[in-house]
Each structure stands twice: as structure tokens, then as C-alpha cells.
Amino acid sequence: MPPTVELTRFKVKEGKTEAVDQWMKLLNDNMSSVLSTLNDEKMYIETIFREEIEGNEYLYWYSVQGKGGIEVQDSDHDIDKQHLAYWKECIDQDFRPIDLKTEVVMIQENILAAIE
């Protein structure tokens, strides 16, 4: 069964740029802890992009995920709890996230075999 490939845009709350800076630093500075949580989620690739459009800040999540993983909200890992606290502080819940439409997924067969 092929993995789920997604790219979603979330709006950052106004005035939370500095908190987002801290959030991204937390994730980058604790990458070994972050990576250890991905296995439970069957998250093979997760990348966060950042963009500003007309004075509004957005974060984009790109992910490649297998089936049957746990939800990040169900994680017992401390880094996930910190991650979710920043999410609650920084992500604008009044903005409906935008899922970009997947048109083509190109994954080498040897990589696909390793993640199935």
C-alpha cells in the first residue's frame, strides 16, 4: 500500500513570529528526539516550510506517512507535547488549513519497498 503524501498550509497567528522562531529552533535543536517520535507515527518524511504572503505568515507541512501510525496527539514523547503546545500557541485555528492537491508522487522503488 503506497504511503500518504500531503502538503498542507496553516496560518500563523498574528504576532507569533518570535514564538514560531522558538518552535522551529526547538525542533532543529532536538532532532534526535524528534526523529525518535516519527517511527511511532509511521512518518517517513516530515518537512516544515515557512512563507510570508502579504504580511501573513504561513507554515506548510509536507509529509510522507505510512498506514497504522499513532496520531501525534496520542504521543507520550516530551518533544511532541512541546511541539503541540507551540502548535496551540502559534497556529490560527480560525483559518481553515489548505491541503494542496497531490498530482504526482515519484518515489524510487527501492525507497517504496523500504517503507511499505
PDB file of N, CA and C in Angstrom:
ATOM      1  N   MET A   1       0.848  -1.171   0.000  1.00  0.00           N
ATOM      2  CA  MET A   1       0.000   0.000   0.000  1.00  0.00           C
ATOM      3  C   MET A   1       0.899   1.240   0.000  1.00  0.00           C
ATOM      4  N   PRO A   2       0.693   2.157  -0.924  1.00  0.00           N
ATOM      5  CA  PRO A   2       1.557   3.333  -1.001  1.00  0.00           C
ATOM      6  C   PRO A   2       1.343   4.268   0.196  1.00  0.00           C
ATOM      7  N   PRO A   3       2.368   5.030   0.542  1.00  0.00           N
ATOM      8  CA  PRO A   3       2.239   5.965   1.660  1.00  0.00           C
ATOM      9  C   PRO A   3       1.333   7.138   1.297  1.00  0.00           C
ATOM     10  N   THR A   4       0.876   7.850   2.319  1.00  0.00           N
ATOM     11  CA  THR A   4       0.108   9.074   2.136  1.00  0.00           C
ATOM     12  C   THR A   4       1.090  10.236   2.016  1.00  0.00           C
ATOM     13  N   VAL A   5       0.957  11.007   0.962  1.00  0.00           N
ATOM     14  CA  VAL A   5       1.826  12.161   0.734  1.00  0.00           C
ATOM     15  C   VAL A   5       0.952  13.405   0.793  1.00  0.00           C
ATOM     16  N   GLU A   6       1.318  14.346   1.689  1.00  0.00           N
ATOM     17  CA  GLU A   6       0.489  15.531   1.891  1.00  0.00           C
ATOM     18  C   GLU A   6       1.346  16.795   1.980  1.00  0.00           C
ATOM     19  N   LEU A   7       0.733  17.897   1.583  1.00  0.00           N
ATOM     20  CA  LEU A   7       1.303  19.230   1.776  1.00  0.00           C
ATOM     21  C   LEU A   7       0.145  20.133   2.191  1.00  0.00           C
ATOM     22  N   THR A   8       0.233  20.683   3.401  1.00  0.00           N
ATOM     23  CA  THR A   8      -0.855  21.476   3.959  1.00  0.00           C
ATOM     24  C   THR A   8      -0.316  22.813   4.452  1.00  0.00           C
ATOM     25  N   ARG A   9      -1.094  23.878   4.191  1.00  0.00           N
ATOM     26  CA  ARG A   9      -0.720  25.226   4.631  1.00  0.00           C
ATOM     27  C   ARG A   9      -1.560  25.616   5.839  1.00  0.00           C
ATOM     28  N   PHE A  10      -0.875  26.118   6.876  1.00  0.00           N
ATOM     29  CA  PHE A  10      -1.511  26.610   8.086  1.00  0.00           C
ATOM     30  C   PHE A  10      -1.103  28.066   8.295  1.00  0.00           C
ATOM     31  N   LYS A  11      -2.026  28.871   8.769  1.00  0.00           N
ATOM     32  CA  LYS A  11      -1.743  30.276   9.019  1.00  0.00           C
ATOM     33  C   LYS A  11      -1.248  30.449  10.455  1.00  0.00           C
ATOM     34  N   VAL A  12      -0.213  31.265  10.597  1.00  0.00           N
ATOM     35  CA  VAL A  12       0.331  31.598  11.913  1.00  0.00           C
ATOM     36  C   VAL A  12      -0.472  32.772  12.481  1.00  0.00           C
ATOM     37  N   LYS A  13      -0.773  32.712  13.772  1.00  0.00           N
ATOM     38  CA  LYS A  13      -1.467  33.814  14.434  1.00  0.00           C
ATOM     39  C   LYS A  13      -0.618  35.087  14.342  1.00  0.00           C
ATOM     40  N   GLU A  14      -1.299  36.206  14.200  1.00  0.00           N
ATOM     41  CA  GLU A  14      -0.608  37.488  14.149  1.00  0.00           C
ATOM     42  C   GLU A  14       0.186  37.693  15.442  1.00  0.00           C
ATOM     43  N   GLY A  15       1.418  38.178  15.289  1.00  0.00           N
ATOM     44  CA  GLY A  15       2.268  38.459  16.436  1.00  0.00           C
ATOM     45  C   GLY A  15       2.999  37.259  16.995  1.00  0.00           C
ATOM     46  N   LYS A  16       2.949  36.114  16.321  1.00  0.00           N
ATOM     47  CA  LYS A  16       3.574  34.889  16.837  1.00  0.00           C
ATOM     48  C   LYS A  16       4.853  34.490  16.104  1.00  0.00           C
ATOM     49  N   THR A  17       5.412  35.417  15.319  1.00  0.00           N
ATOM     50  CA  THR A  17       6.636  35.094  14.569  1.00  0.00           C
ATOM     51  C   THR A  17       7.768  34.655  15.495  1.00  0.00           C
ATOM     52  N   GLU A  18       7.951  35.365  16.599  1.00  0.00           N
ATOM     53  CA  GLU A  18       9.027  35.020  17.524  1.00  0.00           C
ATOM     54  C   GLU A  18       8.789  33.647  18.163  1.00  0.00           C
ATOM     55  N   ALA A  19       7.549  33.341  18.486  1.00  0.00           N
ATOM     56  CA  ALA A  19       7.234  32.022  19.042  1.00  0.00           C
ATOM     57  C   ALA A  19       7.490  30.931  18.005  1.00  0.00           C
ATOM     58  N   VAL A  20       7.179  31.209  16.737  1.00  0.00           N
ATOM     59  CA  VAL A  20       7.467  30.231  15.671  1.00  0.00           C
ATOM     60  C   VAL A  20       8.970  30.035  15.548  1.00  0.00           C
ATOM     61  N   ASP A  21       9.740  31.121  15.649  1.00  0.00           N
ATOM     62  CA  ASP A  21      11.204  31.000  15.633  1.00  0.00           C
ATOM     63  C   ASP A  21      11.670  30.039  16.735  1.00  0.00           C
ATOM     64  N   GLN A  22      11.124  30.208  17.934  1.00  0.00           N
ATOM     65  CA  GLN A  22      11.488  29.344  19.070  1.00  0.00           C
ATOM     66  C   GLN A  22      11.068  27.901  18.819  1.00  0.00           C
ATOM     67  N   TRP A  23       9.882  27.724  18.244  1.00  0.00           N
ATOM     68  CA  TRP A  23       9.351  26.393  17.934  1.00  0.00           C
ATOM     69  C   TRP A  23      10.257  25.661  16.949  1.00  0.00           C
ATOM     70  N   MET A  24      10.610  26.346  15.867  1.00  0.00           N
ATOM     71  CA  MET A  24      11.463  25.719  14.850  1.00  0.00           C
ATOM     72  C   MET A  24      12.855  25.419  15.426  1.00  0.00           C
ATOM     73  N   LYS A  25      13.351  26.302  16.287  1.00  0.00           N
ATOM     74  CA  LYS A  25      14.636  26.074  16.954  1.00  0.00           C
ATOM     75  C   LYS A  25      14.546  24.848  17.857  1.00  0.00           C
ATOM     76  N   LEU A  26      13.445  24.734  18.604  1.00  0.00           N
ATOM     77  CA  LEU A  26      13.242  23.560  19.459  1.00  0.00           C
ATOM     78  C   LEU A  26      13.330  22.278  18.639  1.00  0.00           C
ATOM     79  N   LEU A  27      12.625  22.238  17.525  1.00  0.00           N
ATOM     80  CA  LEU A  27      12.636  21.033  16.692  1.00  0.00           C
ATOM     81  C   LEU A  27      14.021  20.766  16.111  1.00  0.00           C
ATOM     82  N   ASN A  28      14.667  21.799  15.576  1.00  0.00           N
ATOM     83  CA  ASN A  28      16.001  21.626  14.992  1.00  0.00           C
ATOM     84  C   ASN A  28      17.046  21.239  16.039  1.00  0.00           C
ATOM     85  N   ASP A  29      16.965  21.840  17.225  1.00  0.00           N
ATOM     86  CA  ASP A  29      17.952  21.564  18.266  1.00  0.00           C
ATOM     87  C   ASP A  29      17.759  20.213  18.934  1.00  0.00           C
ATOM     88  N   ASN A  30      16.605  19.608  18.755  1.00  0.00           N
ATOM     89  CA  ASN A  30      16.295  18.318  19.384  1.00  0.00           C
ATOM     90  C   ASN A  30      15.937  17.268  18.345  1.00  0.00           C
ATOM     91  N   MET A  31      16.647  17.297  17.222  1.00  0.00           N
ATOM     92  CA  MET A  31      16.297  16.438  16.091  1.00  0.00           C
ATOM     93  C   MET A  31      16.330  14.955  16.443  1.00  0.00           C
ATOM     94  N   SER A  32      17.254  14.510  17.270  1.00  0.00           N
ATOM     95  CA  SER A  32      17.281  13.076  17.600  1.00  0.00           C
ATOM     96  C   SER A  32      15.999  12.675  18.334  1.00  0.00           C
ATOM     97  N   SER A  33      15.491  13.523  19.228  1.00  0.00           N
ATOM     98  CA  SER A  33      14.224  13.241  19.909  1.00  0.00           C
ATOM     99  C   SER A  33      13.056  13.292  18.934  1.00  0.00           C
ATOM    100  N   VAL A  34      13.087  14.282  18.040  1.00  0.00           N
ATOM    101  CA  VAL A  34      12.030  14.416  17.031  1.00  0.00           C
ATOM    102  C   VAL A  34      11.980  13.167  16.161  1.00  0.00           C
ATOM    103  N   LEU A  35      13.125  12.744  15.674  1.00  0.00           N
ATOM    104  CA  LEU A  35      13.160  11.580  14.792  1.00  0.00           C
ATOM    105  C   LEU A  35      12.697  10.310  15.492  1.00  0.00           C
ATOM    106  N   SER A  36      12.964  10.203  16.795  1.00  0.00           N
ATOM    107  CA  SER A  36      12.534   9.001  17.515  1.00  0.00           C
ATOM    108  C   SER A  36      11.012   8.915  17.607  1.00  0.00           C
ATOM    109  N   THR A  37      10.316  10.039  17.545  1.00  0.00           N
ATOM    110  CA  THR A  37       8.851  10.018  17.615  1.00  0.00           C
ATOM    111  C   THR A  37       8.225   9.640  16.281  1.00  0.00           C
ATOM    112  N   LEU A  38       8.921   9.903  15.194  1.00  0.00           N
ATOM    113  CA  LEU A  38       8.351   9.670  13.871  1.00  0.00           C
ATOM    114  C   LEU A  38       8.051   8.202  13.611  1.00  0.00           C
ATOM    115  N   ASN A  39       8.848   7.323  14.193  1.00  0.00           N
ATOM    116  CA  ASN A  39       8.637   5.889  13.992  1.00  0.00           C
ATOM    117  C   ASN A  39       7.251   5.464  14.475  1.00  0.00           C
ATOM    118  N   ASP A  40       6.836   5.981  15.649  1.00  0.00           N
ATOM    119  CA  ASP A  40       5.515   5.635  16.189  1.00  0.00           C
ATOM    120  C   ASP A  40       4.389   6.100  15.271  1.00  0.00           C
ATOM    121  N   GLU A  41       4.620   7.198  14.567  1.00  0.00           N
ATOM    122  CA  GLU A  41       3.608   7.768  13.677  1.00  0.00           C
ATOM    123  C   GLU A  41       3.671   7.170  12.272  1.00  0.00           C
ATOM    124  N   LYS A  42       4.666   6.320  12.027  1.00  0.00           N
ATOM    125  CA  LYS A  42       4.954   5.804  10.681  1.00  0.00           C
ATOM    126  C   LYS A  42       5.131   6.971   9.706  1.00  0.00           C
ATOM    127  N   MET A  43       5.774   8.004  10.219  1.00  0.00           N
ATOM    128  CA  MET A  43       6.066   9.208   9.439  1.00  0.00           C
ATOM    129  C   MET A  43       7.472   9.043   8.881  1.00  0.00           C
ATOM    130  N   TYR A  44       7.549   8.873   7.575  1.00  0.00           N
ATOM    131  CA  TYR A  44       8.837   8.630   6.943  1.00  0.00           C
ATOM    132  C   TYR A  44       9.570   9.924   6.634  1.00  0.00           C
ATOM    133  N   ILE A  45       8.824  10.933   6.242  1.00  0.00           N
ATOM    134  CA  ILE A  45       9.395  12.252   5.941  1.00  0.00           C
ATOM    135  C   ILE A  45       8.413  13.294   6.450  1.00  0.00           C
ATOM    136  N   GLU A  46       8.929  14.270   7.176  1.00  0.00           N
ATOM    137  CA  GLU A  46       8.103  15.403   7.591  1.00  0.00           C
ATOM    138  C   GLU A  46       8.985  16.648   7.488  1.00  0.00           C
ATOM    139  N   THR A  47       8.524  17.604   6.738  1.00  0.00           N
ATOM    140  CA  THR A  47       9.274  18.834   6.492  1.00  0.00           C
ATOM    141  C   THR A  47       8.351  20.016   6.719  1.00  0.00           C
ATOM    142  N   ILE A  48       8.871  21.053   7.369  1.00  0.00           N
ATOM    143  CA  ILE A  48       8.094  22.264   7.610  1.00  0.00           C
ATOM    144  C   ILE A  48       8.711  23.395   6.802  1.00  0.00           C
ATOM    145  N   PHE A  49       7.881  24.055   6.015  1.00  0.00           N
ATOM    146  CA  PHE A  49       8.294  25.226   5.240  1.00  0.00           C
ATOM    147  C   PHE A  49       7.613  26.450   5.830  1.00  0.00           C
ATOM    148  N   ARG A  50       8.196  27.609   5.581  1.00  0.00           N
ATOM    149  CA  ARG A  50       7.664  28.861   6.116  1.00  0.00           C
ATOM    150  C   ARG A  50       7.604  29.888   5.010  1.00  0.00           C
ATOM    151  N   GLU A  51       6.513  30.678   4.991  1.00  0.00           N
ATOM    152  CA  GLU A  51       6.341  31.676   3.938  1.00  0.00           C
ATOM    153  C   GLU A  51       5.558  32.860   4.484  1.00  0.00           C
ATOM    154  N   GLU A  52       5.845  34.041   3.947  1.00  0.00           N
ATOM    155  CA  GLU A  52       5.052  35.222   4.248  1.00  0.00           C
ATOM    156  C   GLU A  52       4.401  35.703   2.954  1.00  0.00           C
ATOM    157  N   ILE A  53       3.086  35.923   3.005  1.00  0.00           N
ATOM    158  CA  ILE A  53       2.333  36.419   1.859  1.00  0.00           C
ATOM    159  C   ILE A  53       1.520  37.611   2.327  1.00  0.00           C
ATOM    160  N   GLU A  54       1.794  38.754   1.720  1.00  0.00           N
ATOM    161  CA  GLU A  54       1.037  39.976   2.020  1.00  0.00           C
ATOM    162  C   GLU A  54       0.903  40.227   3.517  1.00  0.00           C
ATOM    163  N   GLY A  55       2.005  40.078   4.239  1.00  0.00           N
ATOM    164  CA  GLY A  55       2.022  40.359   5.664  1.00  0.00           C
ATOM    165  C   GLY A  55       1.504  39.240   6.552  1.00  0.00           C
ATOM    166  N   ASN A  56       1.038  38.147   5.965  1.00  0.00           N
ATOM    167  CA  ASN A  56       0.578  36.990   6.739  1.00  0.00           C
ATOM    168  C   ASN A  56       1.620  35.885   6.672  1.00  0.00           C
ATOM    169  N   GLU A  57       1.842  35.254   7.798  1.00  0.00           N
ATOM    170  CA  GLU A  57       2.840  34.185   7.870  1.00  0.00           C
ATOM    171  C   GLU A  57       2.148  32.827   7.831  1.00  0.00           C
ATOM    172  N   TYR A  58       2.752  31.895   7.096  1.00  0.00           N
ATOM    173  CA  TYR A  58       2.198  30.550   6.939  1.00  0.00           C
ATOM    174  C   TYR A  58       3.282  29.510   7.170  1.00  0.00           C
ATOM    175  N   LEU A  59       2.871  28.377   7.702  1.00  0.00           N
ATOM    176  CA  LEU A  59       3.722  27.196   7.784  1.00  0.00           C
ATOM    177  C   LEU A  59       3.092  26.115   6.925  1.00  0.00           C
ATOM    178  N   TYR A  60       3.935  25.414   6.187  1.00  0.00           N
ATOM    179  CA  TYR A  60       3.496  24.310   5.335  1.00  0.00           C
ATOM    180  C   TYR A  60       4.103  23.020   5.885  1.00  0.00           C
ATOM    181  N   TRP A  61       3.274  22.002   6.005  1.00  0.00           N
ATOM    182  CA  TRP A  61       3.752  20.689   6.413  1.00  0.00           C
ATOM    183  C   TRP A  61       3.721  19.775   5.198  1.00  0.00           C
ATOM    184  N   TYR A  62       4.882  19.215   4.864  1.00  0.00           N
ATOM    185  CA  TYR A  62       4.991  18.196   3.815  1.00  0.00           C
ATOM    186  C   TYR A  62       5.289  16.888   4.530  1.00  0.00           C
ATOM    187  N   SER A  63       4.540  15.848   4.201  1.00  0.00           N
ATOM    188  CA  SER A  63       4.782  14.580   4.878  1.00  0.00           C
ATOM    189  C   SER A  63       4.568  13.391   3.952  1.00  0.00           C
ATOM    190  N   VAL A  64       5.297  12.339   4.267  1.00  0.00           N
ATOM    191  CA  VAL A  64       5.135  11.030   3.642  1.00  0.00           C
ATOM    192  C   VAL A  64       4.940  10.072   4.809  1.00  0.00           C
ATOM    193  N   GLN A  65       3.738   9.491   4.887  1.00  0.00           N
ATOM    194  CA  GLN A  65       3.385   8.702   6.058  1.00  0.00           C
ATOM    195  C   GLN A  65       2.777   7.373   5.652  1.00  0.00           C
ATOM    196  N   GLY A  66       3.176   6.336   6.370  1.00  0.00           N
ATOM    197  CA  GLY A  66       2.603   5.013   6.167  1.00  0.00           C
ATOM    198  C   GLY A  66       1.301   4.862   6.933  1.00  0.00           C
ATOM    199  N   LYS A  67       0.681   3.745   6.770  1.00  0.00           N
ATOM    200  CA  LYS A  67      -0.599   3.457   7.434  1.00  0.00           C
ATOM    201  C   LYS A  67      -0.362   2.864   8.822  1.00  0.00           C
ATOM    202  N   GLY A  68      -1.274   3.151   9.741  1.00  0.00           N
ATOM    203  CA  GLY A  68      -1.267   2.491  11.038  1.00  0.00           C
ATOM    204  C   GLY A  68      -0.451   3.160  12.124  1.00  0.00           C
ATOM    205  N   GLY A  69       0.066   4.347  11.877  1.00  0.00           N
ATOM    206  CA  GLY A  69       0.820   5.043  12.911  1.00  0.00           C
ATOM    207  C   GLY A  69      -0.095   5.730  13.902  1.00  0.00           C
ATOM    208  N   ILE A  70       0.474   6.105  15.049  1.00  0.00           N
ATOM    209  CA  ILE A  70      -0.330   6.821  16.033  1.00  0.00           C
ATOM    210  C   ILE A  70      -0.417   8.299  15.651  1.00  0.00           C
ATOM    211  N   GLU A  71      -1.396   8.983  16.180  1.00  0.00           N
ATOM    212  CA  GLU A  71      -1.531  10.426  15.986  1.00  0.00           C
ATOM    213  C   GLU A  71      -0.568  11.126  16.945  1.00  0.00           C
ATOM    214  N   VAL A  72      -0.018  12.242  16.521  1.00  0.00           N
ATOM    215  CA  VAL A  72       0.916  12.984  17.374  1.00  0.00           C
ATOM    216  C   VAL A  72       0.252  13.362  18.700  1.00  0.00           C
ATOM    217  N   GLN A  73      -1.039  13.601  18.691  1.00  0.00           N
ATOM    218  CA  GLN A  73      -1.764  13.961  19.912  1.00  0.00           C
ATOM    219  C   GLN A  73      -1.755  12.821  20.943  1.00  0.00           C
ATOM    220  N   ASP A  74      -1.537  11.594  20.482  1.00  0.00           N
ATOM    221  CA  ASP A  74      -1.530  10.432  21.366  1.00  0.00           C
ATOM    222  C   ASP A  74      -0.132  10.051  21.835  1.00  0.00           C
ATOM    223  N   SER A  75       0.859  10.821  21.434  1.00  0.00           N
ATOM    224  CA  SER A  75       2.250  10.522  21.768  1.00  0.00           C
ATOM    225  C   SER A  75       2.556  10.810  23.233  1.00  0.00           C
ATOM    226  N   ASP A  76       3.399   9.966  23.821  1.00  0.00           N
ATOM    227  CA  ASP A  76       3.883  10.176  25.187  1.00  0.00           C
ATOM    228  C   ASP A  76       5.238  10.881  25.214  1.00  0.00           C
ATOM    229  N   HIS A  77       5.804  11.168  24.039  1.00  0.00           N
ATOM    230  CA  HIS A  77       7.118  11.803  23.964  1.00  0.00           C
ATOM    231  C   HIS A  77       7.039  13.271  24.392  1.00  0.00           C
ATOM    232  N   ASP A  78       7.971  13.685  25.229  1.00  0.00           N
ATOM    233  CA  ASP A  78       8.009  15.065  25.716  1.00  0.00           C
ATOM    234  C   ASP A  78       8.131  16.067  24.567  1.00  0.00           C
ATOM    235  N   ILE A  79       8.943  15.742  23.575  1.00  0.00           N
ATOM    236  CA  ILE A  79       9.135  16.676  22.452  1.00  0.00           C
ATOM    237  C   ILE A  79       7.814  16.896  21.708  1.00  0.00           C
ATOM    238  N   ASP A  80       6.985  15.867  21.595  1.00  0.00           N
ATOM    239  CA  ASP A  80       5.680  16.014  20.940  1.00  0.00           C
ATOM    240  C   ASP A  80       4.754  16.898  21.773  1.00  0.00           C
ATOM    241  N   LYS A  81       4.825  16.779  23.079  1.00  0.00           N
ATOM    242  CA  LYS A  81       3.999  17.629  23.951  1.00  0.00           C
ATOM    243  C   LYS A  81       4.407  19.095  23.797  1.00  0.00           C
ATOM    244  N   GLN A  82       5.718  19.349  23.713  1.00  0.00           N
ATOM    245  CA  GLN A  82       6.196  20.713  23.498  1.00  0.00           C
ATOM    246  C   GLN A  82       5.773  21.212  22.114  1.00  0.00           C
ATOM    247  N   HIS A  83       5.890  20.355  21.120  1.00  0.00           N
ATOM    248  CA  HIS A  83       5.501  20.669  19.749  1.00  0.00           C
ATOM    249  C   HIS A  83       4.019  21.061  19.695  1.00  0.00           C
ATOM    250  N   LEU A  84       3.169  20.298  20.345  1.00  0.00           N
ATOM    251  CA  LEU A  84       1.737  20.582  20.344  1.00  0.00           C
ATOM    252  C   LEU A  84       1.398  21.860  21.118  1.00  0.00           C
ATOM    253  N   ALA A  85       2.174  22.164  22.157  1.00  0.00           N
ATOM    254  CA  ALA A  85       1.959  23.414  22.897  1.00  0.00           C
ATOM    255  C   ALA A  85       2.258  24.610  22.002  1.00  0.00           C
ATOM    256  N   TYR A  86       3.346  24.535  21.228  1.00  0.00           N
ATOM    257  CA  TYR A  86       3.646  25.608  20.273  1.00  0.00           C
ATOM    258  C   TYR A  86       2.567  25.688  19.200  1.00  0.00           C
ATOM    259  N   TRP A  87       2.108  24.526  18.730  1.00  0.00           N
ATOM    260  CA  TRP A  87       1.034  24.488  17.727  1.00  0.00           C
ATOM    261  C   TRP A  87      -0.171  25.282  18.228  1.00  0.00           C
ATOM    262  N   LYS A  88      -0.598  24.983  19.443  1.00  0.00           N
ATOM    263  CA  LYS A  88      -1.768  25.649  20.016  1.00  0.00           C
ATOM    264  C   LYS A  88      -1.529  27.160  20.147  1.00  0.00           C
ATOM    265  N   GLU A  89      -0.313  27.528  20.528  1.00  0.00           N
ATOM    266  CA  GLU A  89       0.017  28.938  20.694  1.00  0.00           C
ATOM    267  C   GLU A  89       0.102  29.679  19.361  1.00  0.00           C
ATOM    268  N   CYS A  90       0.616  29.032  18.329  1.00  0.00           N
ATOM    269  CA  CYS A  90       1.006  29.729  17.100  1.00  0.00           C
ATOM    270  C   CYS A  90       0.072  29.566  15.909  1.00  0.00           C
ATOM    271  N   ILE A  91      -0.646  28.464  15.797  1.00  0.00           N
ATOM    272  CA  ILE A  91      -1.450  28.205  14.604  1.00  0.00           C
ATOM    273  C   ILE A  91      -2.842  28.802  14.775  1.00  0.00           C
ATOM    274  N   ASP A  92      -3.272  29.555  13.774  1.00  0.00           N
ATOM    275  CA  ASP A  92      -4.571  30.223  13.779  1.00  0.00           C
ATOM    276  C   ASP A  92      -5.664  29.201  13.483  1.00  0.00           C
ATOM    277  N   GLN A  93      -6.442  28.849  14.496  1.00  0.00           N
ATOM    278  CA  GLN A  93      -7.493  27.846  14.355  1.00  0.00           C
ATOM    279  C   GLN A  93      -8.704  28.366  13.584  1.00  0.00           C
ATOM    280  N   ASP A  94      -8.789  29.688  13.403  1.00  0.00           N
ATOM    281  CA  ASP A  94      -9.898  30.260  12.628  1.00  0.00           C
ATOM    282  C   ASP A  94      -9.658  30.174  11.126  1.00  0.00           C
ATOM    283  N   PHE A  95      -8.413  29.904  10.724  1.00  0.00           N
ATOM    284  CA  PHE A  95      -8.053  29.761   9.308  1.00  0.00           C
ATOM    285  C   PHE A  95      -8.164  28.284   8.941  1.00  0.00           C
ATOM    286  N   ARG A  96      -8.968  27.993   7.960  1.00  0.00           N
ATOM    287  CA  ARG A  96      -9.104  26.605   7.509  1.00  0.00           C
ATOM    288  C   ARG A  96      -7.831  26.184   6.782  1.00  0.00           C
ATOM    289  N   PRO A  97      -7.141  25.148   7.284  1.00  0.00           N
ATOM    290  CA  PRO A  97      -5.916  24.695   6.607  1.00  0.00           C
ATOM    291  C   PRO A  97      -6.206  24.353   5.152  1.00  0.00           C
ATOM    292  N   ILE A  98      -5.226  24.580   4.314  1.00  0.00           N
ATOM    293  CA  ILE A  98      -5.378  24.316   2.890  1.00  0.00           C
ATOM    294  C   ILE A  98      -4.509  23.116   2.523  1.00  0.00           C
ATOM    295  N   ASP A  99      -5.148  22.040   2.094  1.00  0.00           N
ATOM    296  CA  ASP A  99      -4.446  20.858   1.610  1.00  0.00           C
ATOM    297  C   ASP A  99      -4.213  21.034   0.117  1.00  0.00           C
ATOM    298  N   LEU A 100      -2.955  21.096  -0.264  1.00  0.00           N
ATOM    299  CA  LEU A 100      -2.656  21.186  -1.681  1.00  0.00           C
ATOM    300  C   LEU A 100      -2.931  19.838  -2.326  1.00  0.00           C
ATOM    301  N   LYS A 101      -3.389  19.864  -3.561  1.00  0.00           N
ATOM    302  CA  LYS A 101      -3.784  18.645  -4.262  1.00  0.00           C
ATOM    303  C   LYS A 101      -2.548  17.911  -4.777  1.00  0.00           C
ATOM    304  N   THR A 102      -2.461  16.646  -4.416  1.00  0.00           N
ATOM    305  CA  THR A 102      -1.375  15.798  -4.902  1.00  0.00           C
ATOM    306  C   THR A 102      -1.678  15.380  -6.329  1.00  0.00           C
ATOM    307  N   GLU A 103      -0.776  15.670  -7.230  1.00  0.00           N
ATOM    308  CA  GLU A 103      -0.953  15.311  -8.641  1.00  0.00           C
ATOM    309  C   GLU A 103      -0.098  14.107  -9.036  1.00  0.00           C
ATOM    310  N   VAL A 104       1.145  14.088  -8.587  1.00  0.00           N
ATOM    311  CA  VAL A 104       2.064  13.016  -8.960  1.00  0.00           C
ATOM    312  C   VAL A 104       2.944  12.714  -7.750  1.00  0.00           C
ATOM    313  N   VAL A 105       3.123  11.446  -7.441  1.00  0.00           N
ATOM    314  CA  VAL A 105       4.044  11.027  -6.382  1.00  0.00           C
ATOM    315  C   VAL A 105       5.136  10.205  -7.047  1.00  0.00           C
ATOM    316  N   MET A 106       6.354  10.667  -6.901  1.00  0.00           N
ATOM    317  CA  MET A 106       7.502   9.984  -7.502  1.00  0.00           C
ATOM    318  C   MET A 106       8.412   9.491  -6.393  1.00  0.00           C
ATOM    319  N   ILE A 107       8.409   8.182  -6.182  1.00  0.00           N
ATOM    320  CA  ILE A 107       9.251   7.572  -5.162  1.00  0.00           C
ATOM    321  C   ILE A 107       9.968   6.390  -5.815  1.00  0.00           C
ATOM    322  N   GLN A 108      11.264   6.361  -5.680  1.00  0.00           N
ATOM    323  CA  GLN A 108      12.040   5.250  -6.226  1.00  0.00           C
ATOM    324  C   GLN A 108      11.545   3.935  -5.633  1.00  0.00           C
ATOM    325  N   GLU A 109      11.552   2.879  -6.432  1.00  0.00           N
ATOM    326  CA  GLU A 109      11.036   1.582  -5.989  1.00  0.00           C
ATOM    327  C   GLU A 109      11.750   1.059  -4.753  1.00  0.00           C
ATOM    328  N   ASN A 110      13.067   1.244  -4.672  1.00  0.00           N
ATOM    329  CA  ASN A 110      13.803   0.741  -3.511  1.00  0.00           C
ATOM    330  C   ASN A 110      13.397   1.492  -2.228  1.00  0.00           C
ATOM    331  N   ILE A 111      13.079   2.770  -2.329  1.00  0.00           N
ATOM    332  CA  ILE A 111      12.614   3.544  -1.173  1.00  0.00           C
ATOM    333  C   ILE A 111      11.202   3.091  -0.808  1.00  0.00           C
ATOM    334  N   LEU A 112      10.344   2.957  -1.789  1.00  0.00           N
ATOM    335  CA  LEU A 112       8.988   2.498  -1.551  1.00  0.00           C
ATOM    336  C   LEU A 112       8.970   1.124  -0.882  1.00  0.00           C
ATOM    337  N   ALA A 113       9.828   0.226  -1.343  1.00  0.00           N
ATOM    338  CA  ALA A 113       9.904  -1.117  -0.748  1.00  0.00           C
ATOM    339  C   ALA A 113      10.341  -1.046   0.715  1.00  0.00           C
ATOM    340  N   ALA A 114      11.208  -0.095   1.038  1.00  0.00           N
ATOM    341  CA  ALA A 114      11.718   0.034   2.403  1.00  0.00           C
ATOM    342  C   ALA A 114      10.672   0.596   3.359  1.00  0.00           C
ATOM    343  N   ILE A 115       9.713   1.368   2.846  1.00  0.00           N
ATOM    344  CA  ILE A 115       8.742   1.986   3.738  1.00  0.00           C
ATOM    345  C   ILE A 115       7.384   1.302   3.742  1.00  0.00           C
ATOM    346  N   GLU A 116       7.197   0.321   2.932  1.00  0.00           N
ATOM    347  CA  GLU A 116       5.897  -0.382   2.910  1.00  0.00           C
ATOM    348  C   GLU A 116       5.812  -1.407   4.012  1.00  0.00           C
TER     349      GLU A 116
END
